[in-house]
Each structure stands twice: as C-alpha cells, then as structure tokens.
C-alpha cells in the first residue's frame, strides 16, 4: 500500500529493506504473505510485516538488519524491529 518516496536515497533504502525483509520472511519465517505500507506524509515511513512463524522474542541481528539500521541512523531516522504479535520492521525518517 502506498508508493516509494520521491527522495532517491530514501527510496533506495526502502527497496533494499523490502528485499532484505522479504528474504528473511521467507527463509526464516516461512511466510506466505508480506504486507507493506509506505507513506510520505509528514515523514517517510515504511512498515513491513509478514504472516510467518514467530521468531524468538530477541531477534539476532545479522549483517542485513545491521546494515539497514546503520543506513537509517545515517539519515537521522528510526529503525524498529517488533516481534509480537506479528514480525514487523518499521523505518521512519523525517523530511
């Protein structure tokens, strides 16, 4: 739902996050569906959730999640990983 931001750097970050998140959802979560919500209102936001099996409450951040987190922080944004009730990754970057 929604579309990529006009800002090319943030759009690229969102695409790479969607790629990494989809790969993890299928490989680790055995997800059948991945839900995306993108918005560009007061800030840029990506919310990604899947219907896969629940991960441990403490997710081990590998190279992919750490790379996303670093890139988001470089843009003064916030990156959240939520494990309950569904697995959700959320990025918020102020305009």
PDB file of N, CA and C in Angstrom:
ATOM      1  N   UNK A   1       0.854  -1.158   0.000  1.00  0.00           N
ATOM      2  CA  UNK A   1       0.000   0.000   0.000  1.00  0.00           C
ATOM      3  C   UNK A   1       0.905   1.228   0.000  1.00  0.00           C
ATOM      4  N   UNK A   2       0.658   2.164  -0.865  1.00  0.00           N
ATOM      5  CA  UNK A   2       1.449   3.373  -0.946  1.00  0.00           C
ATOM      6  C   UNK A   2       2.499   3.264  -2.031  1.00  0.00           C
ATOM      7  N   UNK A   3       3.411   4.200  -2.050  1.00  0.00           N
ATOM      8  CA  UNK A   3       4.453   4.225  -3.067  1.00  0.00           C
ATOM      9  C   UNK A   3       5.774   4.688  -2.492  1.00  0.00           C
ATOM     10  N   UNK A   4       6.824   4.487  -3.268  1.00  0.00           N
ATOM     11  CA  UNK A   4       8.156   4.887  -2.836  1.00  0.00           C
ATOM     12  C   UNK A   4       8.271   6.408  -2.764  1.00  0.00           C
ATOM     13  N   UNK A   5       9.101   6.911  -1.863  1.00  0.00           N
ATOM     14  CA  UNK A   5       9.304   8.356  -1.767  1.00  0.00           C
ATOM     15  C   UNK A   5       9.992   8.911  -3.014  1.00  0.00           C
ATOM     16  N   UNK A   6       9.809  10.201  -3.262  1.00  0.00           N
ATOM     17  CA  UNK A   6      10.489  10.872  -4.370  1.00  0.00           C
ATOM     18  C   UNK A   6      11.990  11.016  -4.098  1.00  0.00           C
ATOM     19  N   UNK A   7      12.357  11.098  -2.816  1.00  0.00           N
ATOM     20  CA  UNK A   7      13.766  11.199  -2.441  1.00  0.00           C
ATOM     21  C   UNK A   7      14.468   9.893  -2.826  1.00  0.00           C
ATOM     22  N   UNK A   8      15.407   9.982  -3.756  1.00  0.00           N
ATOM     23  CA  UNK A   8      16.041   8.781  -4.329  1.00  0.00           C
ATOM     24  C   UNK A   8      16.829   7.966  -3.302  1.00  0.00           C
ATOM     25  N   UNK A   9      17.514   8.640  -2.390  1.00  0.00           N
ATOM     26  CA  UNK A   9      18.300   7.926  -1.380  1.00  0.00           C
ATOM     27  C   UNK A   9      17.393   7.136  -0.435  1.00  0.00           C
ATOM     28  N   UNK A  10      16.295   7.738  -0.022  1.00  0.00           N
ATOM     29  CA  UNK A  10      15.361   7.062   0.878  1.00  0.00           C
ATOM     30  C   UNK A  10      14.611   5.965   0.126  1.00  0.00           C
ATOM     31  N   UNK A  11      14.246   6.212  -1.128  1.00  0.00           N
ATOM     32  CA  UNK A  11      13.591   5.183  -1.935  1.00  0.00           C
ATOM     33  C   UNK A  11      14.501   3.960  -2.077  1.00  0.00           C
ATOM     34  N   UNK A  12      15.786   4.190  -2.323  1.00  0.00           N
ATOM     35  CA  UNK A  12      16.741   3.084  -2.452  1.00  0.00           C
ATOM     36  C   UNK A  12      16.844   2.313  -1.140  1.00  0.00           C
ATOM     37  N   UNK A  13      16.895   3.013  -0.016  1.00  0.00           N
ATOM     38  CA  UNK A  13      16.922   2.369   1.294  1.00  0.00           C
ATOM     39  C   UNK A  13      15.674   1.511   1.494  1.00  0.00           C
ATOM     40  N   UNK A  14      14.506   2.039   1.125  1.00  0.00           N
ATOM     41  CA  UNK A  14      13.268   1.282   1.281  1.00  0.00           C
ATOM     42  C   UNK A  14      13.274   0.029   0.413  1.00  0.00           C
ATOM     43  N   UNK A  15      13.739   0.139  -0.827  1.00  0.00           N
ATOM     44  CA  UNK A  15      13.793  -1.025  -1.721  1.00  0.00           C
ATOM     45  C   UNK A  15      14.723  -2.090  -1.140  1.00  0.00           C
ATOM     46  N   UNK A  16      15.883  -1.679  -0.660  1.00  0.00           N
ATOM     47  CA  UNK A  16      16.829  -2.634  -0.082  1.00  0.00           C
ATOM     48  C   UNK A  16      16.273  -3.265   1.193  1.00  0.00           C
ATOM     49  N   UNK A  17      15.537  -2.494   1.984  1.00  0.00           N
ATOM     50  CA  UNK A  17      14.905  -3.020   3.190  1.00  0.00           C
ATOM     51  C   UNK A  17      13.822  -4.028   2.827  1.00  0.00           C
ATOM     52  N   UNK A  18      13.038  -3.717   1.802  1.00  0.00           N
ATOM     53  CA  UNK A  18      11.988  -4.646   1.356  1.00  0.00           C
ATOM     54  C   UNK A  18      12.612  -5.946   0.858  1.00  0.00           C
ATOM     55  N   UNK A  19      13.702  -5.838   0.134  1.00  0.00           N
ATOM     56  CA  UNK A  19      14.404  -7.029  -0.364  1.00  0.00           C
ATOM     57  C   UNK A  19      14.915  -7.881   0.804  1.00  0.00           C
ATOM     58  N   UNK A  20      15.603  -7.260   1.738  1.00  0.00           N
ATOM     59  CA  UNK A  20      16.159  -7.978   2.892  1.00  0.00           C
ATOM     60  C   UNK A  20      15.042  -8.567   3.750  1.00  0.00           C
ATOM     61  N   UNK A  21      14.020  -7.757   4.019  1.00  0.00           N
ATOM     62  CA  UNK A  21      12.903  -8.222   4.843  1.00  0.00           C
ATOM     63  C   UNK A  21      12.141  -9.361   4.201  1.00  0.00           C
ATOM     64  N   UNK A  22      11.946  -9.295   2.888  1.00  0.00           N
ATOM     65  CA  UNK A  22      11.248 -10.379   2.181  1.00  0.00           C
ATOM     66  C   UNK A  22      12.065 -11.659   2.228  1.00  0.00           C
ATOM     67  N   UNK A  23      13.362 -11.528   1.992  1.00  0.00           N
ATOM     68  CA  UNK A  23      14.242 -12.691   2.051  1.00  0.00           C
ATOM     69  C   UNK A  23      14.188 -13.336   3.441  1.00  0.00           C
ATOM     70  N   UNK A  24      14.292 -12.526   4.488  1.00  0.00           N
ATOM     71  CA  UNK A  24      14.242 -13.058   5.853  1.00  0.00           C
ATOM     72  C   UNK A  24      12.883 -13.678   6.170  1.00  0.00           C
ATOM     73  N   UNK A  25      11.804 -13.028   5.718  1.00  0.00           N
ATOM     74  CA  UNK A  25      10.461 -13.546   5.992  1.00  0.00           C
ATOM     75  C   UNK A  25      10.267 -14.930   5.384  1.00  0.00           C
ATOM     76  N   UNK A  26      10.782 -15.123   4.183  1.00  0.00           N
ATOM     77  CA  UNK A  26      10.627 -16.416   3.503  1.00  0.00           C
ATOM     78  C   UNK A  26      11.586 -17.449   4.085  1.00  0.00           C
ATOM     79  N   UNK A  27      12.857 -17.088   4.215  1.00  0.00           N
ATOM     80  CA  UNK A  27      13.874 -18.042   4.681  1.00  0.00           C
ATOM     81  C   UNK A  27      13.704 -18.434   6.141  1.00  0.00           C
ATOM     82  N   UNK A  28      13.512 -17.446   7.000  1.00  0.00           N
ATOM     83  CA  UNK A  28      13.480 -17.717   8.435  1.00  0.00           C
ATOM     84  C   UNK A  28      12.064 -17.871   8.981  1.00  0.00           C
ATOM     85  N   UNK A  29      11.133 -17.107   8.438  1.00  0.00           N
ATOM     86  CA  UNK A  29       9.775 -17.117   8.965  1.00  0.00           C
ATOM     87  C   UNK A  29       8.814 -18.002   8.203  1.00  0.00           C
ATOM     88  N   UNK A  30       9.248 -18.508   7.050  1.00  0.00           N
ATOM     89  CA  UNK A  30       8.378 -19.333   6.195  1.00  0.00           C
ATOM     90  C   UNK A  30       7.055 -18.629   5.913  1.00  0.00           C
ATOM     91  N   UNK A  31       7.137 -17.325   5.668  1.00  0.00           N
ATOM     92  CA  UNK A  31       5.947 -16.503   5.439  1.00  0.00           C
ATOM     93  C   UNK A  31       5.317 -16.807   4.079  1.00  0.00           C
ATOM     94  N   UNK A  32       4.005 -16.704   4.039  1.00  0.00           N
ATOM     95  CA  UNK A  32       3.262 -16.820   2.791  1.00  0.00           C
ATOM     96  C   UNK A  32       2.890 -15.451   2.237  1.00  0.00           C
ATOM     97  N   UNK A  33       2.761 -14.467   3.130  1.00  0.00           N
ATOM     98  CA  UNK A  33       2.362 -13.124   2.728  1.00  0.00           C
ATOM     99  C   UNK A  33       3.225 -12.091   3.425  1.00  0.00           C
ATOM    100  N   UNK A  34       3.556 -11.049   2.679  1.00  0.00           N
ATOM    101  CA  UNK A  34       4.320  -9.928   3.207  1.00  0.00           C
ATOM    102  C   UNK A  34       3.512  -8.665   2.911  1.00  0.00           C
ATOM    103  N   UNK A  35       3.299  -7.857   3.941  1.00  0.00           N
ATOM    104  CA  UNK A  35       2.461  -6.668   3.820  1.00  0.00           C
ATOM    105  C   UNK A  35       3.337  -5.418   3.965  1.00  0.00           C
ATOM    106  N   UNK A  36       3.205  -4.515   3.013  1.00  0.00           N
ATOM    107  CA  UNK A  36       3.984  -3.280   3.006  1.00  0.00           C
ATOM    108  C   UNK A  36       3.061  -2.082   3.101  1.00  0.00           C
ATOM    109  N   UNK A  37       3.496  -1.107   3.867  1.00  0.00           N
ATOM    110  CA  UNK A  37       2.783   0.159   3.935  1.00  0.00           C
ATOM    111  C   UNK A  37       3.836   1.262   3.840  1.00  0.00           C
ATOM    112  N   UNK A  38       3.754   2.057   2.795  1.00  0.00           N
ATOM    113  CA  UNK A  38       4.693   3.159   2.580  1.00  0.00           C
ATOM    114  C   UNK A  38       3.922   4.462   2.596  1.00  0.00           C
ATOM    115  N   UNK A  39       4.480   5.456   3.283  1.00  0.00           N
ATOM    116  CA  UNK A  39       3.816   6.760   3.284  1.00  0.00           C
ATOM    117  C   UNK A  39       4.865   7.859   3.273  1.00  0.00           C
ATOM    118  N   UNK A  40       4.461   9.004   2.763  1.00  0.00           N
ATOM    119  CA  UNK A  40       5.337  10.174   2.671  1.00  0.00           C
ATOM    120  C   UNK A  40       4.583  11.405   3.119  1.00  0.00           C
ATOM    121  N   UNK A  41       3.974  11.321   4.291  1.00  0.00           N
ATOM    122  CA  UNK A  41       3.250  12.472   4.823  1.00  0.00           C
ATOM    123  C   UNK A  41       4.220  13.446   5.458  1.00  0.00           C
ATOM    124  N   UNK A  42       4.103  13.605   6.771  1.00  0.00           N
ATOM    125  CA  UNK A  42       4.999  14.497   7.498  1.00  0.00           C
ATOM    126  C   UNK A  42       6.423  13.954   7.505  1.00  0.00           C
ATOM    127  N   UNK A  43       6.534  12.631   7.389  1.00  0.00           N
ATOM    128  CA  UNK A  43       7.832  11.977   7.319  1.00  0.00           C
ATOM    129  C   UNK A  43       7.726  10.792   6.364  1.00  0.00           C
ATOM    130  N   UNK A  44       8.862  10.168   6.071  1.00  0.00           N
ATOM    131  CA  UNK A  44       8.881   8.973   5.230  1.00  0.00           C
ATOM    132  C   UNK A  44       8.751   7.768   6.146  1.00  0.00           C
ATOM    133  N   UNK A  45       7.866   6.854   5.793  1.00  0.00           N
ATOM    134  CA  UNK A  45       7.646   5.698   6.655  1.00  0.00           C
ATOM    135  C   UNK A  45       7.473   4.435   5.825  1.00  0.00           C
ATOM    136  N   UNK A  46       8.107   3.368   6.286  1.00  0.00           N
ATOM    137  CA  UNK A  46       7.934   2.029   5.721  1.00  0.00           C
ATOM    138  C   UNK A  46       7.585   1.105   6.874  1.00  0.00           C
ATOM    139  N   UNK A  47       6.471   0.399   6.746  1.00  0.00           N
ATOM    140  CA  UNK A  47       6.088  -0.620   7.710  1.00  0.00           C
ATOM    141  C   UNK A  47       5.962  -1.920   6.925  1.00  0.00           C
ATOM    142  N   UNK A  48       6.668  -2.936   7.373  1.00  0.00           N
ATOM    143  CA  UNK A  48       6.699  -4.223   6.690  1.00  0.00           C
ATOM    144  C   UNK A  48       6.400  -5.311   7.707  1.00  0.00           C
ATOM    145  N   UNK A  49       5.384  -6.114   7.415  1.00  0.00           N
ATOM    146  CA  UNK A  49       5.026  -7.196   8.320  1.00  0.00           C
ATOM    147  C   UNK A  49       4.754  -8.443   7.508  1.00  0.00           C
ATOM    148  N   UNK A  50       4.861  -9.607   8.156  1.00  0.00           N
ATOM    149  CA  UNK A  50       4.606 -10.857   7.440  1.00  0.00           C
ATOM    150  C   UNK A  50       3.802 -11.812   8.308  1.00  0.00           C
ATOM    151  N   UNK A  51       3.278 -12.862   7.671  1.00  0.00           N
ATOM    152  CA  UNK A  51       2.455 -13.839   8.383  1.00  0.00           C
ATOM    153  C   UNK A  51       3.221 -15.125   8.705  1.00  0.00           C
ATOM    154  N   UNK A  52       4.522 -15.045   8.756  1.00  0.00           N
ATOM    155  CA  UNK A  52       5.351 -16.215   9.027  1.00  0.00           C
ATOM    156  C   UNK A  52       5.311 -16.628  10.484  1.00  0.00           C
ATOM    157  N   UNK A  53       6.057 -17.702  10.767  1.00  0.00           N
ATOM    158  CA  UNK A  53       6.121 -18.173  12.157  1.00  0.00           C
ATOM    159  C   UNK A  53       6.832 -17.129  13.011  1.00  0.00           C
ATOM    160  N   UNK A  54       6.481 -17.120  14.269  1.00  0.00           N
ATOM    161  CA  UNK A  54       7.008 -16.118  15.186  1.00  0.00           C
ATOM    162  C   UNK A  54       8.479 -16.391  15.472  1.00  0.00           C
ATOM    163  N   UNK A  55       9.309 -15.349  15.407  1.00  0.00           N
ATOM    164  CA  UNK A  55      10.720 -15.514  15.761  1.00  0.00           C
ATOM    165  C   UNK A  55      10.865 -15.515  17.280  1.00  0.00           C
ATOM    166  N   UNK A  56      12.064 -15.839  17.765  1.00  0.00           N
ATOM    167  CA  UNK A  56      12.287 -15.648  19.202  1.00  0.00           C
ATOM    168  C   UNK A  56      12.050 -14.184  19.539  1.00  0.00           C
ATOM    169  N   UNK A  57      11.666 -13.911  20.778  1.00  0.00           N
ATOM    170  CA  UNK A  57      11.393 -12.516  21.144  1.00  0.00           C
ATOM    171  C   UNK A  57      12.626 -11.643  20.966  1.00  0.00           C
ATOM    172  N   UNK A  58      13.807 -12.191  21.146  1.00  0.00           N
ATOM    173  CA  UNK A  58      15.051 -11.450  20.919  1.00  0.00           C
ATOM    174  C   UNK A  58      15.615 -11.907  19.578  1.00  0.00           C
ATOM    175  N   UNK A  59      15.504 -11.048  18.579  1.00  0.00           N
ATOM    176  CA  UNK A  59      15.988 -11.363  17.241  1.00  0.00           C
ATOM    177  C   UNK A  59      17.489 -11.103  17.172  1.00  0.00           C
ATOM    178  N   UNK A  60      18.224 -12.040  16.588  1.00  0.00           N
ATOM    179  CA  UNK A  60      19.653 -11.852  16.389  1.00  0.00           C
ATOM    180  C   UNK A  60      19.839 -11.061  15.103  1.00  0.00           C
ATOM    181  N   UNK A  61      20.436  -9.897  15.220  1.00  0.00           N
ATOM    182  CA  UNK A  61      20.640  -9.024  14.072  1.00  0.00           C
ATOM    183  C   UNK A  61      21.886  -9.464  13.324  1.00  0.00           C
ATOM    184  N   UNK A  62      21.687  -9.938  12.103  1.00  0.00           N
ATOM    185  CA  UNK A  62      22.806 -10.292  11.241  1.00  0.00           C
ATOM    186  C   UNK A  62      23.241  -9.096  10.412  1.00  0.00           C
ATOM    187  N   UNK A  63      24.008  -9.369   9.388  1.00  0.00           N
ATOM    188  CA  UNK A  63      24.544  -8.313   8.540  1.00  0.00           C
ATOM    189  C   UNK A  63      23.485  -7.455   7.887  1.00  0.00           C
ATOM    190  N   UNK A  64      22.390  -8.069   7.420  1.00  0.00           N
ATOM    191  CA  UNK A  64      21.349  -7.319   6.719  1.00  0.00           C
ATOM    192  C   UNK A  64      20.655  -6.301   7.600  1.00  0.00           C
ATOM    193  N   UNK A  65      20.176  -6.734   8.780  1.00  0.00           N
ATOM    194  CA  UNK A  65      19.488  -5.810   9.682  1.00  0.00           C
ATOM    195  C   UNK A  65      20.440  -4.744  10.220  1.00  0.00           C
ATOM    196  N   UNK A  66      21.678  -5.135  10.512  1.00  0.00           N
ATOM    197  CA  UNK A  66      22.650  -4.149  10.984  1.00  0.00           C
ATOM    198  C   UNK A  66      22.950  -3.098   9.924  1.00  0.00           C
ATOM    199  N   UNK A  67      23.037  -3.520   8.673  1.00  0.00           N
ATOM    200  CA  UNK A  67      23.285  -2.575   7.575  1.00  0.00           C
ATOM    201  C   UNK A  67      22.125  -1.611   7.422  1.00  0.00           C
ATOM    202  N   UNK A  68      20.901  -2.129   7.473  1.00  0.00           N
ATOM    203  CA  UNK A  68      19.715  -1.268   7.384  1.00  0.00           C
ATOM    204  C   UNK A  68      19.729  -0.264   8.532  1.00  0.00           C
ATOM    205  N   UNK A  69      19.964  -0.747   9.744  1.00  0.00           N
ATOM    206  CA  UNK A  69      19.966   0.119  10.917  1.00  0.00           C
ATOM    207  C   UNK A  69      20.998   1.237  10.764  1.00  0.00           C
ATOM    208  N   UNK A  70      22.179   0.910  10.302  1.00  0.00           N
ATOM    209  CA  UNK A  70      23.238   1.909  10.121  1.00  0.00           C
ATOM    210  C   UNK A  70      22.825   2.964   9.089  1.00  0.00           C
ATOM    211  N   UNK A  71      22.253   2.518   7.973  1.00  0.00           N
ATOM    212  CA  UNK A  71      21.843   3.468   6.928  1.00  0.00           C
ATOM    213  C   UNK A  71      20.717   4.372   7.407  1.00  0.00           C
ATOM    214  N   UNK A  72      19.767   3.799   8.165  1.00  0.00           N
ATOM    215  CA  UNK A  72      18.671   4.608   8.706  1.00  0.00           C
ATOM    216  C   UNK A  72      19.221   5.646   9.683  1.00  0.00           C
ATOM    217  N   UNK A  73      20.119   5.228  10.562  1.00  0.00           N
ATOM    218  CA  UNK A  73      20.705   6.167  11.536  1.00  0.00           C
ATOM    219  C   UNK A  73      21.494   7.274  10.827  1.00  0.00           C
ATOM    220  N   UNK A  74      22.168   6.938   9.713  1.00  0.00           N
ATOM    221  CA  UNK A  74      22.901   7.950   8.953  1.00  0.00           C
ATOM    222  C   UNK A  74      21.969   9.013   8.382  1.00  0.00           C
ATOM    223  N   UNK A  75      20.694   8.681   8.232  1.00  0.00           N
ATOM    224  CA  UNK A  75      19.690   9.628   7.743  1.00  0.00           C
ATOM    225  C   UNK A  75      18.876  10.212   8.908  1.00  0.00           C
ATOM    226  N   UNK A  76      19.386  10.032  10.127  1.00  0.00           N
ATOM    227  CA  UNK A  76      18.727  10.504  11.356  1.00  0.00           C
ATOM    228  C   UNK A  76      17.334   9.920  11.524  1.00  0.00           C
ATOM    229  N   UNK A  77      17.157   8.677  11.074  1.00  0.00           N
ATOM    230  CA  UNK A  77      15.874   8.013  11.183  1.00  0.00           C
ATOM    231  C   UNK A  77      15.829   7.013  12.322  1.00  0.00           C
ATOM    232  N   UNK A  78      14.688   6.364  12.426  1.00  0.00           N
ATOM    233  CA  UNK A  78      14.439   5.358  13.460  1.00  0.00           C
ATOM    234  C   UNK A  78      14.118   4.039  12.767  1.00  0.00           C
ATOM    235  N   UNK A  79      14.767   2.960  13.210  1.00  0.00           N
ATOM    236  CA  UNK A  79      14.521   1.616  12.695  1.00  0.00           C
ATOM    237  C   UNK A  79      14.086   0.740  13.860  1.00  0.00           C
ATOM    238  N   UNK A  80      12.896   0.156  13.758  1.00  0.00           N
ATOM    239  CA  UNK A  80      12.367  -0.707  14.816  1.00  0.00           C
ATOM    240  C   UNK A  80      12.105  -2.096  14.257  1.00  0.00           C
ATOM    241  N   UNK A  81      12.399  -3.087  15.071  1.00  0.00           N
ATOM    242  CA  UNK A  81      12.025  -4.469  14.782  1.00  0.00           C
ATOM    243  C   UNK A  81      11.152  -4.923  15.940  1.00  0.00           C
ATOM    244  N   UNK A  82       9.926  -5.316  15.618  1.00  0.00           N
ATOM    245  CA  UNK A  82       8.946  -5.741  16.622  1.00  0.00           C
ATOM    246  C   UNK A  82       8.641  -7.212  16.350  1.00  0.00           C
ATOM    247  N   UNK A  83       8.603  -8.027  17.397  1.00  0.00           N
ATOM    248  CA  UNK A  83       8.389  -9.469  17.186  1.00  0.00           C
ATOM    249  C   UNK A  83       7.006  -9.960  17.582  1.00  0.00           C
ATOM    250  N   UNK A  84       6.236  -9.161  18.310  1.00  0.00           N
ATOM    251  CA  UNK A  84       4.928  -9.623  18.747  1.00  0.00           C
ATOM    252  C   UNK A  84       3.880  -8.541  18.568  1.00  0.00           C
ATOM    253  N   UNK A  85       2.654  -8.824  18.185  1.00  0.00           N
ATOM    254  CA  UNK A  85       2.121 -10.154  17.882  1.00  0.00           C
ATOM    255  C   UNK A  85       2.598 -10.683  16.525  1.00  0.00           C
ATOM    256  N   UNK A  86       2.941  -9.787  15.604  1.00  0.00           N
ATOM    257  CA  UNK A  86       3.499 -10.192  14.308  1.00  0.00           C
ATOM    258  C   UNK A  86       4.905  -9.635  14.199  1.00  0.00           C
ATOM    259  N   UNK A  87       5.688 -10.180  13.256  1.00  0.00           N
ATOM    260  CA  UNK A  87       7.019  -9.646  13.000  1.00  0.00           C
ATOM    261  C   UNK A  87       6.866  -8.404  12.125  1.00  0.00           C
ATOM    262  N   UNK A  88       7.389  -7.285  12.610  1.00  0.00           N
ATOM    263  CA  UNK A  88       7.256  -6.004  11.910  1.00  0.00           C
ATOM    264  C   UNK A  88       8.609  -5.297  11.889  1.00  0.00           C
ATOM    265  N   UNK A  89       8.951  -4.750  10.735  1.00  0.00           N
ATOM    266  CA  UNK A  89      10.084  -3.834  10.621  1.00  0.00           C
ATOM    267  C   UNK A  89       9.503  -2.487  10.241  1.00  0.00           C
ATOM    268  N   UNK A  90       9.969  -1.447  10.917  1.00  0.00           N
ATOM    269  CA  UNK A  90       9.443  -0.111  10.657  1.00  0.00           C
ATOM    270  C   UNK A  90      10.597   0.886  10.554  1.00  0.00           C
ATOM    271  N   UNK A  91      10.545   1.710   9.528  1.00  0.00           N
ATOM    272  CA  UNK A  91      11.516   2.790   9.346  1.00  0.00           C
ATOM    273  C   UNK A  91      10.743   4.102   9.305  1.00  0.00           C
ATOM    274  N   UNK A  92      11.275   5.083  10.030  1.00  0.00           N
ATOM    275  CA  UNK A  92      10.702   6.422   9.991  1.00  0.00           C
ATOM    276  C   UNK A  92      11.848   7.422   9.836  1.00  0.00           C
ATOM    277  N   UNK A  93      11.733   8.265   8.815  1.00  0.00           N
ATOM    278  CA  UNK A  93      12.753   9.284   8.552  1.00  0.00           C
ATOM    279  C   UNK A  93      12.030  10.610   8.336  1.00  0.00           C
ATOM    280  N   UNK A  94      12.393  11.618   9.109  1.00  0.00           N
ATOM    281  CA  UNK A  94      11.757  12.930   8.950  1.00  0.00           C
ATOM    282  C   UNK A  94      12.169  13.556   7.639  1.00  0.00           C
ATOM    283  N   UNK A  95      11.247  14.294   7.055  1.00  0.00           N
ATOM    284  CA  UNK A  95      11.528  15.026   5.813  1.00  0.00           C
ATOM    285  C   UNK A  95      12.384  16.224   6.097  1.00  0.00           C
TER     286      UNK A  95
END
